[in-house]
């Protein structure tokens, strides 16, 4: 069957058919996958039989890979990490977030592979931040576009949190020390499409620079609530060996925590991106790309 793209909603999400990700993909096919990702923000591949090395190698076709400072790695391919949730290790992903925005160059994408699923439940939702941004009033869009926000590792992974406890106090303390808070624009211009989207998330965004704490909290809480609208979202029901590949620059996602005490095991590859910017504060390198 040839490469096919089947949209799931008008706003976000598509299933890709006719691709075996365990095989070495041509540059043209990788380009087609990237084009589908840019158009639909999150794309899904069903019934893929990948080894960890094949999973890693597919992800590496899109950029350098990030190694998470806390989650355990996959032995055969340590660039991947394991999300193994059950009654003894409940999930910490049941909040809307964008992955790893606590670093200066947050991921351009994440690629999640279903290894073991509960009989029911454990869906994941994604939301389109371009659509969320465009649904705001023009006045609010203009106001937000001039702002920057603090993203903090310690907010997403607190000392007494599930992941910190599993990693151990020493490893967590080292991760906190190595990841001081960073500043990103509240509205990000996508480096490939040139489109603007919200770039704050409940998981890691601590405050908006230049606003008083109550002002910042009011704006952020409004935005965190705004992205919950179903019109911006797609909900994916996992099947064995399915893969989700999402553009982390323009989406948020939420792992539904409704399956405990059953077990759910996923492997994730994370592809590094570039430093976020807004078109009004575009770095010189991005200006050159935009002009070409």
Protein backbone atom coordinates (compact mmCIF):
# COMPACT_ATOMS: atom_id res chain seq x y z
CA UNK A 1 0.00 0.00 0.00
CA UNK A 2 1.48 3.41 -0.92
CA UNK A 3 2.06 6.22 1.58
CA UNK A 4 -1.33 7.55 2.70
CA UNK A 5 -2.31 10.30 5.15
CA UNK A 6 -5.75 10.04 6.78
CA UNK A 7 -6.68 13.10 8.88
CA UNK A 8 -8.42 12.43 12.20
CA UNK A 9 -9.84 15.92 12.81
CA UNK A 10 -9.82 19.16 10.79
CA UNK A 11 -7.50 20.72 13.38
CA UNK A 12 -4.94 18.13 14.42
CA UNK A 13 -3.89 14.51 13.94
CA UNK A 14 -3.55 12.03 11.07
CA UNK A 15 -2.86 8.32 10.63
CA UNK A 16 -0.07 7.39 8.22
CA UNK A 17 -0.47 4.15 6.29
CA UNK A 18 1.87 2.31 3.94
CA UNK A 19 5.11 2.88 5.87
CA UNK A 20 7.17 0.24 7.69
CA UNK A 21 9.34 2.17 10.14
CA UNK A 22 11.55 -0.85 10.80
CA UNK A 23 13.03 -0.44 7.33
CA UNK A 24 15.65 2.06 6.22
CA UNK A 25 13.62 4.96 4.85
CA UNK A 26 14.65 6.94 1.78
CA UNK A 27 15.26 10.67 2.09
CA UNK A 28 12.10 11.28 0.05
CA UNK A 29 10.00 9.20 2.45
CA UNK A 30 11.50 10.93 5.48
CA UNK A 31 10.61 14.22 3.79
CA UNK A 32 7.03 13.07 3.27
CA UNK A 33 6.75 12.07 6.93
CA UNK A 34 8.10 15.46 7.99
CA UNK A 35 5.62 17.24 5.70
CA UNK A 36 2.74 15.27 7.23
CA UNK A 37 3.98 16.13 10.71
CA UNK A 38 4.12 19.85 9.91
CA UNK A 39 0.61 19.78 8.46
CA UNK A 40 -1.11 17.67 11.12
CA UNK A 41 1.06 18.32 14.25
CA UNK A 42 0.76 14.70 15.45
CA UNK A 43 0.86 11.64 13.21
CA UNK A 44 0.23 7.99 14.07
CA UNK A 45 1.60 4.75 12.68
CA UNK A 46 -0.15 1.49 13.61
CA UNK A 47 1.19 -2.06 13.94
CA UNK A 48 4.88 -1.18 13.75
CA UNK A 49 7.37 -3.86 14.87
CA UNK A 50 10.47 -1.99 15.96
CA UNK A 51 13.46 -2.93 18.06
CA UNK A 52 14.72 -0.16 20.35
CA UNK A 53 17.63 0.41 17.98
CA UNK A 54 15.25 0.78 15.02
CA UNK A 55 13.10 3.19 17.05
CA UNK A 56 16.18 5.24 17.89
CA UNK A 57 17.47 5.20 14.32
CA UNK A 58 14.14 6.37 12.91
CA UNK A 59 14.02 9.26 15.37
CA UNK A 60 17.62 10.20 14.57
CA UNK A 61 16.62 10.84 10.93
CA UNK A 62 14.97 14.03 12.22
CA UNK A 63 17.75 15.37 14.44
CA UNK A 64 19.95 14.81 17.46
CA UNK A 65 18.33 12.99 20.36
CA UNK A 66 17.82 14.22 23.90
CA UNK A 67 18.60 11.99 26.88
CA UNK A 68 16.24 12.61 29.80
CA UNK A 69 17.95 13.43 33.12
CA UNK A 70 15.54 11.37 35.27
CA UNK A 71 13.66 8.63 33.42
CA UNK A 72 15.38 5.24 33.01
CA UNK A 73 16.88 4.56 29.59
CA UNK A 74 16.28 1.55 27.36
CA UNK A 75 19.34 -0.74 27.74
CA UNK A 76 19.72 -1.48 24.00
CA UNK A 77 19.31 2.19 23.05
CA UNK A 78 19.92 4.51 26.04
CA UNK A 79 18.83 7.56 24.05
CA UNK A 80 15.28 6.22 24.49
CA UNK A 81 13.59 6.21 27.86
CA UNK A 82 10.93 4.03 29.44
CA UNK A 83 7.54 5.14 30.77
CA UNK A 84 6.44 2.14 32.85
CA UNK A 85 3.32 3.01 34.83
CA UNK A 86 1.37 0.72 37.17
CA UNK A 87 -0.05 0.70 40.71
CA UNK A 88 3.45 0.89 42.20
CA UNK A 89 4.58 3.65 39.83
CA UNK A 90 1.61 5.82 38.83
CA UNK A 91 1.94 8.26 35.96
CA UNK A 92 3.04 11.85 36.37
CA UNK A 93 1.93 12.81 32.83
CA UNK A 94 -1.74 13.47 33.60
CA UNK A 95 -1.39 17.21 33.09
CA UNK A 96 -1.21 19.18 29.84
CA UNK A 97 2.40 19.84 28.90
CA UNK A 98 4.94 20.30 26.13
CA UNK A 99 8.00 18.09 26.48
CA UNK A 100 11.26 19.32 27.99
CA UNK A 101 10.65 23.06 27.70
CA UNK A 102 13.00 23.42 30.68
CA UNK A 103 16.04 23.53 28.36
CA UNK A 104 17.19 26.33 26.05
CA UNK A 105 16.56 24.25 22.91
CA UNK A 106 13.37 22.27 23.63
CA UNK A 107 12.60 19.21 21.49
CA UNK A 108 11.23 19.62 17.98
CA UNK A 109 9.46 16.26 18.34
CA UNK A 110 8.81 13.19 20.44
CA UNK A 111 8.17 9.66 19.15
CA UNK A 112 6.27 7.36 21.51
CA UNK A 113 5.98 3.60 20.97
CA UNK A 114 3.37 1.41 22.71
CA UNK A 115 5.07 -1.65 24.24
CA UNK A 116 2.44 -2.87 26.73
CA UNK A 117 -1.11 -1.58 27.07
CA UNK A 118 -3.96 -2.01 29.55
CA UNK A 119 -7.09 -3.76 28.30
CA UNK A 120 -8.81 -0.37 28.21
CA UNK A 121 -7.91 3.23 28.95
CA UNK A 122 -4.55 4.94 28.75
CA UNK A 123 -5.45 7.18 25.81
CA UNK A 124 -3.38 10.27 25.00
CA UNK A 125 -4.70 13.65 23.86
CA UNK A 126 -2.89 16.31 21.84
CA UNK A 127 -3.84 19.96 21.33
CA UNK A 128 -2.85 22.33 18.52
CA UNK A 129 -1.29 25.50 19.96
CA UNK A 130 -1.52 27.37 16.67
CA UNK A 131 -5.29 26.88 16.73
CA UNK A 132 -5.41 27.86 20.40
CA UNK A 133 -3.47 31.05 19.72
CA UNK A 134 -5.60 32.02 16.73
CA UNK A 135 -8.78 31.54 18.78
CA UNK A 136 -7.75 34.36 21.14
CA UNK A 137 -8.84 37.94 20.50
CA UNK A 138 -6.50 40.08 18.38
CA UNK A 139 -5.85 42.32 21.39
CA UNK A 140 -4.83 39.36 23.55
CA UNK A 141 -2.64 37.94 20.77
CA UNK A 142 -0.82 41.27 20.44
CA UNK A 143 -0.33 41.50 24.22
CA UNK A 144 1.02 37.97 24.57
CA UNK A 145 3.37 38.25 21.61
CA UNK A 146 5.62 40.69 23.43
CA UNK A 147 6.03 38.53 26.53
CA UNK A 148 8.52 35.93 27.70
CA UNK A 149 7.97 33.27 30.35
CA UNK A 150 10.12 31.28 32.76
CA UNK A 151 10.17 27.49 32.29
CA UNK A 152 11.44 25.52 35.26
CA UNK A 153 12.55 21.88 35.53
CA UNK A 154 11.77 21.91 39.26
CA UNK A 155 8.12 22.79 38.58
CA UNK A 156 7.61 19.73 36.41
CA UNK A 157 9.72 17.42 38.57
CA UNK A 158 9.36 18.51 42.21
CA UNK A 159 11.54 16.98 44.91
CA UNK A 160 8.75 14.86 46.36
CA UNK A 161 7.21 13.94 43.02
CA UNK A 162 6.79 10.45 41.60
CA UNK A 163 9.60 10.68 39.05
CA UNK A 164 12.03 12.27 41.52
CA UNK A 165 11.38 9.54 44.07
CA UNK A 166 11.88 6.82 41.46
CA UNK A 167 15.13 8.41 40.23
CA UNK A 168 16.54 8.92 43.72
CA UNK A 169 17.44 12.07 45.64
CA UNK A 170 21.01 12.32 44.35
CA UNK A 171 20.06 12.00 40.68
CA UNK A 172 17.20 14.46 41.09
CA UNK A 173 19.36 17.02 42.88
CA UNK A 174 21.96 16.79 40.13
CA UNK A 175 19.27 17.26 37.46
CA UNK A 176 17.90 20.35 39.21
CA UNK A 177 21.39 21.83 39.46
CA UNK A 178 22.06 21.15 35.77
CA UNK A 179 18.75 22.66 34.60
CA UNK A 180 18.27 26.20 35.92
CA UNK A 181 15.14 28.08 34.80
CA UNK A 182 15.12 29.28 31.18
CA UNK A 183 13.23 31.99 29.33
CA UNK A 184 11.06 31.35 26.25
CA UNK A 185 8.56 33.52 24.34
CA UNK A 186 4.92 33.12 25.36
CA UNK A 187 4.08 33.00 21.64
CA UNK A 188 6.51 31.01 19.50
CA UNK A 189 7.05 31.39 15.77
CA UNK A 190 7.43 27.94 14.25
CA UNK A 191 10.89 27.72 12.63
CA UNK A 192 9.65 25.66 9.65
CA UNK A 193 6.12 26.88 8.96
CA UNK A 194 6.53 30.48 10.15
CA UNK A 195 3.20 30.24 12.02
CA UNK A 196 2.66 31.49 15.57
CA UNK A 197 1.41 29.37 18.47
CA UNK A 198 1.19 29.48 22.24
CA UNK A 199 4.32 28.21 23.97
CA UNK A 200 3.39 28.07 27.65
CA UNK A 201 2.32 24.89 29.42
CA UNK A 202 1.12 23.87 32.87
CA UNK A 203 3.89 21.32 33.26
CA UNK A 204 6.89 23.67 33.14
CA UNK A 205 5.87 27.34 32.77
CA UNK A 206 6.32 29.02 36.14
CA UNK A 207 5.62 32.70 35.48
CA UNK A 208 5.58 35.48 32.88
CA UNK A 209 8.52 37.84 33.04
CA UNK A 210 7.73 41.48 33.80
CA UNK A 211 4.31 40.86 35.37
CA UNK A 212 3.44 40.82 39.04
CA UNK A 213 2.83 37.32 40.38
CA UNK A 214 -0.98 37.73 40.50
CA UNK A 215 -1.01 39.14 36.98
CA UNK A 216 1.17 36.31 35.71
CA UNK A 217 -0.91 33.65 37.44
CA UNK A 218 -4.13 35.12 36.03
CA UNK A 219 -2.82 35.15 32.45
CA UNK A 220 -1.24 31.68 32.65
CA UNK A 221 -4.29 30.12 34.28
CA UNK A 222 -6.49 31.61 31.57
CA UNK A 223 -4.22 30.13 28.89
CA UNK A 224 -3.98 26.74 30.62
CA UNK A 225 -7.78 26.63 30.69
CA UNK A 226 -8.09 27.91 27.12
CA UNK A 227 -6.13 25.03 25.59
CA UNK A 228 -8.61 22.51 27.05
CA UNK A 229 -11.22 23.25 24.36
CA UNK A 230 -12.07 20.06 22.43
CA UNK A 231 -11.92 22.01 19.16
CA UNK A 232 -8.13 22.12 19.47
CA UNK A 233 -7.68 18.44 20.30
CA UNK A 234 -7.43 14.87 19.07
CA UNK A 235 -7.74 11.82 21.33
CA UNK A 236 -5.78 8.71 20.40
CA UNK A 237 -6.78 5.22 21.52
CA UNK A 238 -3.61 3.18 21.57
CA UNK A 239 -3.25 -0.24 19.96
CA UNK A 240 -0.30 -2.62 20.41
CA UNK A 241 2.86 -1.48 18.60
CA UNK A 242 1.39 1.88 17.58
CA UNK A 243 3.59 4.97 17.34
CA UNK A 244 2.73 8.62 17.92
CA UNK A 245 5.05 11.25 16.45
CA UNK A 246 4.27 14.84 17.45
CA UNK A 247 5.62 18.29 16.70
CA UNK A 248 6.57 19.47 20.17
CA UNK A 249 6.94 23.06 18.97
CA UNK A 250 3.23 23.54 18.34
CA UNK A 251 1.42 21.00 20.55
CA UNK A 252 0.65 20.03 24.11
CA UNK A 253 -0.41 16.57 25.21
CA UNK A 254 -2.06 14.78 28.11
CA UNK A 255 -1.77 11.13 29.14
CA UNK A 256 -5.11 9.94 30.55
CA UNK A 257 -4.58 8.28 33.94
CA UNK A 258 -7.62 5.98 34.00
CA UNK A 259 -6.11 2.50 33.80
CA UNK A 260 -4.47 1.84 37.18
CA UNK A 261 -3.77 -0.67 38.66
CA UNK A 262 -3.18 -2.07 35.14
CA UNK A 263 0.24 -1.56 33.57
CA UNK A 264 1.18 0.63 30.59
CA UNK A 265 4.70 0.62 29.11
CA UNK A 266 5.88 3.05 26.43
CA UNK A 267 9.30 3.87 24.97
CA UNK A 268 10.02 7.43 23.89
CA UNK A 269 12.60 9.06 21.66
CA UNK A 270 12.98 12.83 21.91
CA UNK A 271 14.41 14.86 19.01
CA UNK A 272 16.14 18.10 19.97
CA UNK A 273 15.05 21.36 18.38
CA UNK A 274 16.28 24.93 18.27
CA UNK A 275 15.91 27.91 20.55
CA UNK A 276 12.34 29.30 20.51
CA UNK A 277 11.75 32.81 19.26
CA UNK A 278 8.91 35.12 18.27
CA UNK A 279 8.99 36.86 14.90
CA UNK A 280 9.27 40.24 16.66
CA UNK A 281 12.48 39.05 18.34
CA UNK A 282 13.79 36.78 15.59
CA UNK A 283 17.46 35.76 15.84
CA UNK A 284 19.69 36.64 12.91
CA UNK A 285 20.07 32.99 11.85
CA UNK A 286 16.29 32.59 11.63
CA UNK A 287 15.99 35.85 9.73
CA UNK A 288 18.34 34.50 7.08
CA UNK A 289 16.31 31.29 6.76
CA UNK A 290 13.04 33.23 6.53
CA UNK A 291 14.46 35.40 3.76
CA UNK A 292 15.60 32.46 1.63
